[in-house]
Amino acid sequence: MIRTRKWSWVFLLTLSVLLCASVSMGQEPTYTGTKKCKACHGKQFKSWETTKMAKAFDLLKAEEQSKADCLGCHTTGYGKEGGFKNLEETPGMVGVQCEACHGPGAFTSGS
């Protein structure tokens, strides 16, 4: 039990240091979409894709699919780097995906 806690703290500390280093190097988090998540988390992806969250955008009426008040909750990363812009430019970001709760999955240069 104690050994598990020790490794948990080591992991969290390492993760924190890496995150701080990335931010200090001028990198901003960006959204990647479920294709990246699916590569390592296939089981979770299969479970998610059957949920209402995955189909949240489809639940909107046609006139609601361009309203900012709706898009913030029915898409992933709306108004943020790499997130949903519109159906034509970012169709891969519709629905409430992994990154809606877990945060952006990648870092890019923040020039």
N, C-alpha and C. Protein backbone atom coordinates (compact mmCIF):
# COMPACT_ATOMS: atom_id res chain seq x y z
N MET A 1 0.82 -1.19 0.00
CA MET A 1 0.00 0.00 0.00
C MET A 1 0.86 1.25 0.00
N ILE A 2 1.87 1.28 0.88
CA ILE A 2 2.75 2.43 0.98
C ILE A 2 3.56 2.58 -0.30
N ARG A 3 4.02 1.47 -0.85
CA ARG A 3 4.80 1.50 -2.09
C ARG A 3 3.96 2.07 -3.24
N THR A 4 2.68 1.69 -3.31
CA THR A 4 1.79 2.21 -4.35
C THR A 4 1.61 3.71 -4.21
N ARG A 5 1.42 4.19 -3.00
CA ARG A 5 1.27 5.63 -2.77
C ARG A 5 2.53 6.37 -3.18
N LYS A 6 3.68 5.79 -2.84
CA LYS A 6 4.95 6.43 -3.18
C LYS A 6 5.06 6.59 -4.70
N TRP A 7 4.75 5.55 -5.44
CA TRP A 7 4.85 5.63 -6.90
C TRP A 7 3.79 6.56 -7.48
N SER A 8 2.66 6.64 -6.84
CA SER A 8 1.63 7.59 -7.29
C SER A 8 2.13 9.02 -7.16
N TRP A 9 2.78 9.31 -6.04
CA TRP A 9 3.32 10.66 -5.84
C TRP A 9 4.45 10.95 -6.82
N VAL A 10 5.29 9.96 -7.07
CA VAL A 10 6.39 10.14 -8.04
C VAL A 10 5.81 10.43 -9.42
N PHE A 11 4.79 9.68 -9.79
CA PHE A 11 4.15 9.89 -11.09
C PHE A 11 3.54 11.29 -11.18
N LEU A 12 2.81 11.70 -10.16
CA LEU A 12 2.18 13.03 -10.17
C LEU A 12 3.22 14.14 -10.20
N LEU A 13 4.30 13.99 -9.46
CA LEU A 13 5.35 14.99 -9.46
C LEU A 13 6.01 15.09 -10.83
N THR A 14 6.30 13.94 -11.44
CA THR A 14 6.89 13.92 -12.78
C THR A 14 5.97 14.57 -13.79
N LEU A 15 4.70 14.24 -13.73
CA LEU A 15 3.72 14.82 -14.64
C LEU A 15 3.65 16.34 -14.47
N SER A 16 3.67 16.79 -13.23
CA SER A 16 3.63 18.23 -12.95
C SER A 16 4.85 18.94 -13.52
N VAL A 17 6.02 18.36 -13.34
CA VAL A 17 7.26 18.96 -13.86
C VAL A 17 7.21 19.04 -15.38
N LEU A 18 6.76 17.97 -16.02
CA LEU A 18 6.66 17.98 -17.48
C LEU A 18 5.67 19.02 -17.98
N LEU A 19 4.55 19.14 -17.32
CA LEU A 19 3.55 20.12 -17.70
C LEU A 19 4.10 21.54 -17.54
N CYS A 20 4.73 21.81 -16.43
CA CYS A 20 5.32 23.14 -16.20
C CYS A 20 6.40 23.45 -17.23
N ALA A 21 7.22 22.46 -17.56
CA ALA A 21 8.28 22.66 -18.55
C ALA A 21 7.68 22.98 -19.90
N SER A 22 6.61 22.29 -20.28
CA SER A 22 5.95 22.55 -21.56
C SER A 22 5.38 23.95 -21.62
N VAL A 23 4.72 24.37 -20.56
CA VAL A 23 4.12 25.70 -20.51
C VAL A 23 5.21 26.77 -20.53
N SER A 24 6.28 26.55 -19.78
CA SER A 24 7.34 27.56 -19.73
C SER A 24 8.08 27.66 -21.04
N MET A 25 8.03 26.65 -21.87
CA MET A 25 8.69 26.70 -23.17
C MET A 25 7.80 27.36 -24.21
N GLY A 26 6.68 27.92 -23.80
CA GLY A 26 5.81 28.65 -24.72
C GLY A 26 4.85 27.77 -25.50
N GLN A 27 4.58 26.60 -25.02
CA GLN A 27 3.66 25.72 -25.73
C GLN A 27 2.26 25.86 -25.15
N GLU A 28 1.31 25.90 -26.03
CA GLU A 28 -0.09 26.00 -25.65
C GLU A 28 -0.79 24.68 -25.94
N PRO A 29 -1.68 24.25 -25.07
CA PRO A 29 -2.41 23.01 -25.34
C PRO A 29 -3.39 23.22 -26.50
N THR A 30 -3.57 22.18 -27.28
CA THR A 30 -4.51 22.23 -28.40
C THR A 30 -5.29 20.92 -28.46
N TYR A 31 -6.45 20.98 -29.04
CA TYR A 31 -7.32 19.81 -29.14
C TYR A 31 -6.93 18.96 -30.34
N THR A 32 -7.05 17.65 -30.19
CA THR A 32 -6.63 16.73 -31.25
C THR A 32 -7.77 15.88 -31.80
N GLY A 33 -8.82 15.68 -31.02
CA GLY A 33 -9.94 14.84 -31.47
C GLY A 33 -9.79 13.39 -31.04
N THR A 34 -10.85 12.64 -31.21
CA THR A 34 -10.89 11.27 -30.70
C THR A 34 -9.97 10.30 -31.44
N LYS A 35 -9.56 10.62 -32.65
CA LYS A 35 -8.68 9.69 -33.38
C LYS A 35 -7.39 9.46 -32.62
N LYS A 36 -6.85 10.51 -32.01
CA LYS A 36 -5.62 10.37 -31.23
C LYS A 36 -5.89 9.57 -29.96
N CYS A 37 -6.99 9.87 -29.29
CA CYS A 37 -7.33 9.17 -28.04
C CYS A 37 -7.57 7.69 -28.30
N LYS A 38 -8.26 7.41 -29.39
CA LYS A 38 -8.65 6.05 -29.75
C LYS A 38 -7.43 5.14 -29.95
N ALA A 39 -6.33 5.71 -30.43
CA ALA A 39 -5.14 4.91 -30.70
C ALA A 39 -4.65 4.15 -29.46
N CYS A 40 -4.75 4.77 -28.30
CA CYS A 40 -4.29 4.12 -27.06
C CYS A 40 -5.43 3.67 -26.15
N HIS A 41 -6.58 4.27 -26.32
CA HIS A 41 -7.70 4.01 -25.42
C HIS A 41 -8.91 3.46 -26.18
N GLY A 42 -8.67 2.42 -26.96
CA GLY A 42 -9.71 1.83 -27.81
C GLY A 42 -10.94 1.35 -27.06
N LYS A 43 -10.72 0.72 -25.93
CA LYS A 43 -11.85 0.20 -25.14
C LYS A 43 -12.74 1.35 -24.66
N GLN A 44 -12.12 2.41 -24.16
CA GLN A 44 -12.88 3.57 -23.69
C GLN A 44 -13.58 4.26 -24.87
N PHE A 45 -12.92 4.31 -26.01
CA PHE A 45 -13.50 4.92 -27.20
C PHE A 45 -14.77 4.18 -27.61
N LYS A 46 -14.69 2.86 -27.67
CA LYS A 46 -15.85 2.06 -28.07
C LYS A 46 -17.03 2.29 -27.13
N SER A 47 -16.74 2.40 -25.84
CA SER A 47 -17.79 2.67 -24.86
C SER A 47 -18.38 4.07 -25.07
N TRP A 48 -17.51 5.05 -25.24
CA TRP A 48 -17.93 6.45 -25.41
C TRP A 48 -18.77 6.64 -26.66
N GLU A 49 -18.40 6.02 -27.79
CA GLU A 49 -19.07 6.31 -29.05
C GLU A 49 -20.54 5.89 -29.09
N THR A 50 -20.98 5.15 -28.09
CA THR A 50 -22.39 4.76 -28.02
C THR A 50 -23.20 5.68 -27.10
N THR A 51 -22.55 6.66 -26.51
CA THR A 51 -23.21 7.54 -25.53
C THR A 51 -23.87 8.75 -26.18
N LYS A 52 -24.74 9.40 -25.41
CA LYS A 52 -25.36 10.64 -25.86
C LYS A 52 -24.33 11.75 -25.98
N MET A 53 -23.26 11.68 -25.21
CA MET A 53 -22.21 12.69 -25.30
C MET A 53 -21.57 12.67 -26.69
N ALA A 54 -21.33 11.48 -27.21
CA ALA A 54 -20.73 11.35 -28.54
C ALA A 54 -21.65 11.92 -29.62
N LYS A 55 -22.94 11.86 -29.37
CA LYS A 55 -23.93 12.31 -30.35
C LYS A 55 -24.56 13.66 -30.00
N ALA A 56 -23.92 14.39 -29.09
CA ALA A 56 -24.49 15.65 -28.59
C ALA A 56 -24.76 16.66 -29.71
N PHE A 57 -23.88 16.76 -30.69
CA PHE A 57 -24.08 17.70 -31.78
C PHE A 57 -25.30 17.31 -32.62
N ASP A 58 -25.48 16.02 -32.83
CA ASP A 58 -26.61 15.52 -33.62
C ASP A 58 -27.95 15.81 -32.96
N LEU A 59 -27.95 16.05 -31.66
CA LEU A 59 -29.18 16.34 -30.93
C LEU A 59 -29.67 17.77 -31.18
N LEU A 60 -28.78 18.62 -31.72
CA LEU A 60 -29.16 20.01 -31.99
C LEU A 60 -30.04 20.10 -33.24
N LYS A 61 -30.96 21.03 -33.23
CA LYS A 61 -31.74 21.33 -34.43
C LYS A 61 -30.84 22.06 -35.40
N ALA A 62 -31.15 22.02 -36.68
CA ALA A 62 -30.31 22.63 -37.71
C ALA A 62 -29.97 24.09 -37.40
N GLU A 63 -30.95 24.85 -36.93
CA GLU A 63 -30.71 26.27 -36.63
C GLU A 63 -29.84 26.47 -35.39
N GLU A 64 -29.74 25.45 -34.54
CA GLU A 64 -28.92 25.55 -33.32
C GLU A 64 -27.45 25.20 -33.58
N GLN A 65 -27.17 24.52 -34.70
CA GLN A 65 -25.83 24.04 -34.98
C GLN A 65 -24.82 25.13 -35.30
N SER A 66 -25.25 26.38 -35.32
CA SER A 66 -24.32 27.48 -35.53
C SER A 66 -24.40 28.52 -34.42
N LYS A 67 -25.16 28.23 -33.38
CA LYS A 67 -25.31 29.17 -32.26
C LYS A 67 -24.24 28.93 -31.20
N ALA A 68 -23.50 29.98 -30.87
CA ALA A 68 -22.44 29.88 -29.87
C ALA A 68 -22.96 29.35 -28.54
N ASP A 69 -24.18 29.74 -28.16
CA ASP A 69 -24.75 29.29 -26.90
C ASP A 69 -24.91 27.77 -26.86
N CYS A 70 -25.07 27.14 -28.01
CA CYS A 70 -25.25 25.70 -28.08
C CYS A 70 -23.92 24.97 -28.28
N LEU A 71 -23.05 25.55 -29.09
CA LEU A 71 -21.82 24.87 -29.48
C LEU A 71 -20.86 24.64 -28.32
N GLY A 72 -20.86 25.50 -27.33
CA GLY A 72 -19.97 25.32 -26.19
C GLY A 72 -20.22 24.03 -25.44
N CYS A 73 -21.46 23.55 -25.46
CA CYS A 73 -21.82 22.32 -24.74
C CYS A 73 -21.95 21.09 -25.64
N HIS A 74 -22.15 21.30 -26.93
CA HIS A 74 -22.42 20.19 -27.84
C HIS A 74 -21.25 19.84 -28.75
N THR A 75 -20.10 20.52 -28.56
CA THR A 75 -18.89 20.24 -29.32
C THR A 75 -17.72 20.20 -28.35
N THR A 76 -16.54 19.92 -28.88
CA THR A 76 -15.34 19.87 -28.04
C THR A 76 -14.40 21.00 -28.42
N GLY A 77 -14.00 21.78 -27.43
CA GLY A 77 -13.02 22.83 -27.63
C GLY A 77 -13.52 24.04 -28.39
N TYR A 78 -14.81 24.29 -28.36
CA TYR A 78 -15.36 25.42 -29.11
C TYR A 78 -14.69 26.73 -28.68
N GLY A 79 -14.19 27.46 -29.66
CA GLY A 79 -13.55 28.75 -29.40
C GLY A 79 -12.12 28.65 -28.89
N LYS A 80 -11.55 27.45 -28.87
CA LYS A 80 -10.19 27.26 -28.38
C LYS A 80 -9.30 26.69 -29.48
N GLU A 81 -8.00 26.83 -29.31
CA GLU A 81 -7.02 26.34 -30.28
C GLU A 81 -7.23 24.86 -30.59
N GLY A 82 -7.47 24.55 -31.86
CA GLY A 82 -7.67 23.17 -32.29
C GLY A 82 -9.06 22.63 -32.06
N GLY A 83 -9.91 23.40 -31.38
CA GLY A 83 -11.26 22.95 -31.08
C GLY A 83 -12.23 23.21 -32.23
N PHE A 84 -13.49 22.96 -31.95
CA PHE A 84 -14.54 23.11 -32.96
C PHE A 84 -14.67 24.56 -33.41
N LYS A 85 -14.68 24.76 -34.72
CA LYS A 85 -14.93 26.09 -35.31
C LYS A 85 -16.29 26.10 -35.97
N ASN A 86 -16.47 25.17 -36.89
CA ASN A 86 -17.74 24.99 -37.57
C ASN A 86 -17.73 23.60 -38.21
N LEU A 87 -18.87 23.17 -38.68
CA LEU A 87 -19.01 21.82 -39.20
C LEU A 87 -18.15 21.59 -40.45
N GLU A 88 -17.97 22.61 -41.26
CA GLU A 88 -17.19 22.47 -42.48
C GLU A 88 -15.69 22.34 -42.20
N GLU A 89 -15.15 23.15 -41.27
CA GLU A 89 -13.72 23.16 -40.99
C GLU A 89 -13.27 22.11 -39.99
N THR A 90 -14.11 21.81 -39.01
CA THR A 90 -13.70 20.90 -37.94
C THR A 90 -14.76 19.85 -37.61
N PRO A 91 -15.15 19.06 -38.60
CA PRO A 91 -16.19 18.06 -38.34
C PRO A 91 -15.76 17.00 -37.32
N GLY A 92 -14.47 16.81 -37.13
CA GLY A 92 -13.97 15.83 -36.18
C GLY A 92 -14.07 16.25 -34.72
N MET A 93 -14.58 17.46 -34.49
CA MET A 93 -14.67 17.95 -33.11
C MET A 93 -16.12 18.08 -32.64
N VAL A 94 -17.05 17.47 -33.35
CA VAL A 94 -18.44 17.52 -32.92
C VAL A 94 -18.66 16.52 -31.78
N GLY A 95 -19.63 16.80 -30.97
CA GLY A 95 -19.92 15.94 -29.82
C GLY A 95 -19.05 16.28 -28.63
N VAL A 96 -19.39 15.69 -27.51
CA VAL A 96 -18.64 15.89 -26.27
C VAL A 96 -17.63 14.74 -26.20
N GLN A 97 -16.40 15.04 -26.59
CA GLN A 97 -15.36 14.03 -26.70
C GLN A 97 -14.49 13.96 -25.44
N CYS A 98 -13.51 13.10 -25.48
CA CYS A 98 -12.60 12.89 -24.34
C CYS A 98 -12.03 14.19 -23.81
N GLU A 99 -11.58 15.05 -24.73
CA GLU A 99 -10.90 16.28 -24.34
C GLU A 99 -11.83 17.32 -23.72
N ALA A 100 -13.11 17.14 -23.85
CA ALA A 100 -14.06 18.06 -23.23
C ALA A 100 -13.91 18.01 -21.70
N CYS A 101 -13.61 16.85 -21.18
CA CYS A 101 -13.42 16.68 -19.73
C CYS A 101 -11.95 16.58 -19.34
N HIS A 102 -11.17 15.88 -20.16
CA HIS A 102 -9.78 15.61 -19.83
C HIS A 102 -8.81 16.69 -20.29
N GLY A 103 -9.29 17.65 -21.07
CA GLY A 103 -8.43 18.73 -21.54
C GLY A 103 -7.76 18.41 -22.86
N PRO A 104 -7.17 19.42 -23.47
CA PRO A 104 -6.50 19.25 -24.77
C PRO A 104 -5.43 18.17 -24.72
N GLY A 105 -5.35 17.41 -25.80
CA GLY A 105 -4.46 16.26 -25.83
C GLY A 105 -3.09 16.49 -26.42
N ALA A 106 -2.78 17.70 -26.89
CA ALA A 106 -1.48 17.93 -27.52
C ALA A 106 -0.98 19.32 -27.21
N PHE A 107 0.30 19.51 -27.41
CA PHE A 107 0.92 20.83 -27.27
C PHE A 107 1.46 21.25 -28.61
N THR A 108 1.31 22.52 -28.93
CA THR A 108 1.88 23.08 -30.15
C THR A 108 2.69 24.30 -29.77
N SER A 109 3.48 24.76 -30.67
CA SER A 109 4.28 25.95 -30.42
C SER A 109 3.35 27.15 -30.25
N GLY A 110 3.53 27.91 -29.21
CA GLY A 110 2.67 29.04 -28.92
C GLY A 110 3.25 30.36 -29.38
N SER A 111 3.65 30.46 -30.63
CA SER A 111 4.24 31.69 -31.16
C SER A 111 3.27 32.82 -31.21
